[in-house]
Protein backbone atom coordinates (compact mmCIF):
# COMPACT_ATOMS: atom_id res chain seq x y z
CA UNK A 1 0.00 0.00 0.00
CA UNK A 2 2.99 2.36 0.26
CA UNK A 3 4.13 2.34 -3.36
CA UNK A 4 5.11 6.02 -3.43
CA UNK A 5 7.14 5.68 -0.24
CA UNK A 6 8.93 2.56 -1.45
CA UNK A 7 9.76 4.23 -4.77
CA UNK A 8 11.13 7.22 -2.87
CA UNK A 9 13.46 5.06 -0.77
CA UNK A 10 14.53 3.04 -3.81
CA UNK A 11 15.35 6.25 -5.72
CA UNK A 12 17.51 7.57 -2.85
CA UNK A 13 19.58 4.40 -2.89
CA UNK A 14 19.81 3.86 -6.66
CA UNK A 15 22.65 6.35 -7.38
CA UNK A 16 24.95 4.49 -4.95
CA UNK A 17 24.41 0.93 -6.22
CA UNK A 18 26.97 0.75 -9.03
CA UNK A 19 27.25 -2.10 -11.51
CA UNK A 20 27.13 -5.12 -9.18
CA UNK A 21 25.21 -4.41 -5.97
CA UNK A 22 24.25 -6.83 -3.21
CA UNK A 23 21.13 -6.30 -1.11
CA UNK A 24 21.17 -7.70 2.43
CA UNK A 25 17.84 -8.78 3.92
CA UNK A 26 15.92 -8.57 0.65
CA UNK A 27 12.78 -10.11 2.14
CA UNK A 28 10.34 -10.78 -0.69
CA UNK A 29 12.27 -8.63 -3.18
CA UNK A 30 10.10 -5.51 -3.30
CA UNK A 31 12.97 -3.02 -3.49
CA UNK A 32 14.91 -5.22 -5.90
CA UNK A 33 11.92 -5.19 -8.23
CA UNK A 34 11.79 -1.41 -8.08
CA UNK A 35 15.50 -1.03 -8.87
CA UNK A 36 15.12 -3.32 -11.85
CA UNK A 37 12.18 -1.24 -13.05
CA UNK A 38 14.40 1.83 -12.67
CA UNK A 39 16.97 0.32 -15.04
CA UNK A 40 19.43 -1.53 -12.81
CA UNK A 41 21.10 -4.15 -14.98
CA UNK A 42 22.46 -6.53 -12.35
CA UNK A 43 21.67 -7.30 -8.72
CA UNK A 44 22.27 -9.95 -6.08
CA UNK A 45 19.50 -10.35 -3.52
CA UNK A 46 19.94 -12.23 -0.26
CA UNK A 47 18.40 -13.16 3.02
CA UNK A 48 19.24 -15.19 6.11
CA UNK A 49 15.74 -16.72 6.29
CA UNK A 50 15.59 -19.83 4.09
CA UNK A 51 11.87 -19.44 3.42
CA UNK A 52 12.43 -15.91 2.16
CA UNK A 53 15.37 -17.09 0.04
CA UNK A 54 13.05 -19.59 -1.63
CA UNK A 55 10.48 -16.85 -2.24
CA UNK A 56 13.20 -14.72 -3.83
CA UNK A 57 14.20 -17.61 -6.08
CA UNK A 58 10.59 -18.06 -7.14
CA UNK A 59 10.06 -14.35 -7.74
CA UNK A 60 13.17 -13.90 -9.88
CA UNK A 61 13.27 -17.31 -11.55
CA UNK A 62 14.39 -16.92 -15.14
CA UNK A 63 15.57 -13.32 -14.66
CA UNK A 64 19.24 -13.37 -15.70
CA UNK A 65 19.81 -9.98 -14.06
CA UNK A 66 19.26 -11.36 -10.56
CA UNK A 67 21.31 -13.76 -8.43
CA UNK A 68 19.88 -15.08 -5.16
CA UNK A 69 21.97 -16.05 -2.12
CA UNK A 70 21.37 -17.27 1.40
CA UNK A 71 23.72 -15.00 3.31
CA UNK A 72 24.62 -14.21 6.91
CA UNK A 73 26.12 -10.72 6.92
CA UNK A 74 28.22 -11.36 10.03
CA UNK A 75 29.88 -14.47 8.59
CA UNK A 76 29.90 -13.83 4.85
CA UNK A 77 33.17 -14.49 2.97
CA UNK A 78 34.86 -11.53 1.22
CA UNK A 79 33.47 -10.48 -2.16
CA UNK A 80 33.88 -7.72 -4.75
CA UNK A 81 30.45 -6.12 -5.10
CA UNK A 82 30.13 -2.50 -6.13
CA UNK A 83 27.91 -1.85 -3.11
CA UNK A 84 26.07 -3.47 -0.25
CA UNK A 85 22.66 -2.07 0.65
CA UNK A 86 20.67 -2.88 3.80
CA UNK A 87 17.27 -1.26 4.16
CA UNK A 88 15.86 -1.48 7.70
CA UNK A 89 18.28 -4.26 8.60
CA UNK A 90 21.11 -2.79 10.70
CA UNK A 91 18.82 -1.91 13.62
CA UNK A 92 18.08 -5.64 14.05
CA UNK A 93 21.75 -6.60 14.49
CA UNK A 94 23.04 -6.65 18.07
CA UNK A 95 26.54 -5.54 17.07
CA UNK A 96 25.89 -3.01 14.33
CA UNK A 97 29.59 -2.18 13.91
CA UNK A 98 30.28 -5.86 13.17
CA UNK A 99 27.42 -5.76 10.68
CA UNK A 100 28.99 -2.78 8.90
CA UNK A 101 32.40 -4.48 8.95
CA UNK A 102 30.76 -7.50 7.32
CA UNK A 103 29.24 -5.26 4.66
CA UNK A 104 32.63 -3.65 4.02
CA UNK A 105 34.17 -7.09 3.38
CA UNK A 106 31.62 -7.69 0.64
CA UNK A 107 32.52 -4.68 -1.50
CA UNK A 108 35.51 -3.93 -3.72
CA UNK A 109 37.94 -1.13 -2.71
CA UNK A 110 36.04 2.14 -2.92
CA UNK A 111 32.70 0.32 -2.85
CA UNK A 112 29.66 1.75 -1.09
CA UNK A 113 27.84 0.55 2.01
CA UNK A 114 24.31 1.96 2.06
CA UNK A 115 21.97 1.65 5.04
CA UNK A 116 18.51 2.99 5.77
CA UNK A 117 17.56 2.80 9.44
CA UNK A 118 14.86 4.16 11.80
CA UNK A 119 15.66 7.48 13.45
CA UNK A 120 15.62 8.91 16.98
CA UNK A 121 15.63 6.80 20.15
CA UNK A 122 12.71 8.79 21.60
CA UNK A 123 10.49 7.29 18.88
CA UNK A 124 11.23 3.70 19.97
CA UNK A 125 7.82 2.05 20.34
CA UNK A 126 6.27 -1.22 21.42
CA UNK A 127 6.06 -2.10 17.74
CA UNK A 128 9.82 -1.49 17.31
CA UNK A 129 10.54 -3.93 20.12
CA UNK A 130 8.02 -6.46 18.75
CA UNK A 131 9.76 -6.67 15.37
CA UNK A 132 13.25 -6.88 16.86
CA UNK A 133 14.59 -3.34 16.65
CA UNK A 134 17.55 -3.00 19.01
CA UNK A 135 18.05 0.73 18.46
CA UNK A 136 17.05 3.81 16.50
CA UNK A 137 19.70 6.17 15.14
CA UNK A 138 20.62 9.82 14.91
CA UNK A 139 23.03 11.23 12.34
CA UNK A 140 25.71 11.24 15.03
CA UNK A 141 25.26 7.61 16.10
CA UNK A 142 25.09 6.40 12.50
CA UNK A 143 28.31 8.28 11.67
CA UNK A 144 29.99 6.85 14.77
CA UNK A 145 29.10 3.27 13.80
CA UNK A 146 30.40 3.80 10.26
CA UNK A 147 33.63 5.33 11.56
CA UNK A 148 34.23 2.40 13.93
CA UNK A 149 33.74 0.03 10.99
CA UNK A 150 36.37 1.90 8.96
CA UNK A 151 33.90 3.43 6.51
CA UNK A 152 34.12 7.05 5.36
CA UNK A 153 30.72 8.76 5.23
CA UNK A 154 29.85 10.27 1.85
CA UNK A 155 26.14 10.95 2.47
CA UNK A 156 24.22 11.24 5.72
CA UNK A 157 20.71 12.63 6.00
CA UNK A 158 17.33 12.36 7.66
CA UNK A 159 14.42 11.24 5.49
CA UNK A 160 10.67 11.75 5.86
CA UNK A 161 10.13 14.47 8.45
CA UNK A 162 6.32 14.12 8.63
CA UNK A 163 6.75 10.37 9.09
CA UNK A 164 8.64 10.89 12.36
CA UNK A 165 5.82 13.02 13.76
CA UNK A 166 3.19 10.46 12.74
CA UNK A 167 5.26 7.55 14.06
CA UNK A 168 5.90 9.21 17.41
CA UNK A 169 2.24 10.01 17.95
CA UNK A 170 0.76 6.82 16.55
CA UNK A 171 3.28 4.14 17.47
CA UNK A 172 5.16 5.60 20.44
CA UNK A 173 2.38 7.45 22.28
CA UNK A 174 -0.78 5.62 21.20
CA UNK A 175 0.71 2.13 20.89
CA UNK A 176 -0.59 1.55 17.36
CA UNK A 177 0.93 -0.78 14.75
CA UNK A 178 1.44 -0.03 11.04
CA UNK A 179 -1.00 -1.90 8.84
CA UNK A 180 -2.35 -1.97 5.32
CA UNK A 181 -5.54 -0.04 4.74
CA UNK A 182 -7.11 3.28 3.85
CA UNK A 183 -5.00 5.34 6.26
CA UNK A 184 -1.72 4.00 4.90
CA UNK A 185 -2.80 4.40 1.27
CA UNK A 186 -4.12 7.89 1.94
CA UNK A 187 -0.87 8.95 3.61
CA UNK A 188 1.14 7.43 0.76
CA UNK A 189 -0.84 9.36 -1.86
CA UNK A 190 -1.37 12.69 -0.06
CA UNK A 191 1.71 13.18 2.12
CA UNK A 192 4.60 11.25 0.60
CA UNK A 193 4.81 12.95 -2.86
CA UNK A 194 5.01 16.55 -1.55
CA UNK A 195 7.38 15.48 1.24
CA UNK A 196 9.63 13.81 -1.31
CA UNK A 197 9.58 16.93 -3.49
CA UNK A 198 10.43 19.18 -0.53
CA UNK A 199 13.22 16.98 0.80
CA UNK A 200 14.74 16.79 -2.66
CA UNK A 201 15.46 20.53 -2.30
CA UNK A 202 16.01 20.84 1.45
CA UNK A 203 17.94 18.88 4.08
CA UNK A 204 15.48 18.48 6.93
CA UNK A 205 16.72 18.54 10.57
CA UNK A 206 14.79 15.40 11.54
CA UNK A 207 13.06 12.45 9.93
CA UNK A 208 11.57 9.03 10.41
CA UNK A 209 14.72 7.40 9.02
CA UNK A 210 18.43 7.95 8.48
CA UNK A 211 20.10 7.33 5.11
CA UNK A 212 23.82 6.70 5.54
CA UNK A 213 26.30 5.94 2.77
CA UNK A 214 29.94 5.10 3.42
CA UNK A 215 32.84 3.95 1.28
CA UNK A 216 35.73 1.64 2.00
């Protein structure tokens, strides 16, 4: 139900992917599908969950542009990808610096590590805990984790300012849970497009998420 939002996130990441990207925690492949629609010519998708790996293989069966791997970021062998991207993954890893170090091992020299993570500890909700979030980030804590992992930040920004307000009120204060339906679709159609247009021109001082890009 959040097509506009997902396209926005995918478009923010696309310029950093390069010619041979690897996505960590691809889930059912929604973002991978969007990148392919946007013209990406090659992509490796992965997950740690075997059931999701099988779903990825089914979804991209016969698509020569896509490789599928079962991959544990913390124990993956070195590789030479142009980038590693993890969307809403790093906050689930107990040792996030080790996770970033694992990502750095998977890219070639000068390759990019791209993460998209939830922002601001004060917005941590019951729902965050229920789905396994161990932390929420600020620009400072994201930069610190990248620095400890030996990655040089090249882009660091908050994304989706109205989303943080809605999340804090709905999830943190009222104890709600995100769900498909009219409210989500209405927000996606009415709020996301103008927010995306505004944040394309302005760097907002807060947001629902942090986009961080580092290079080896």
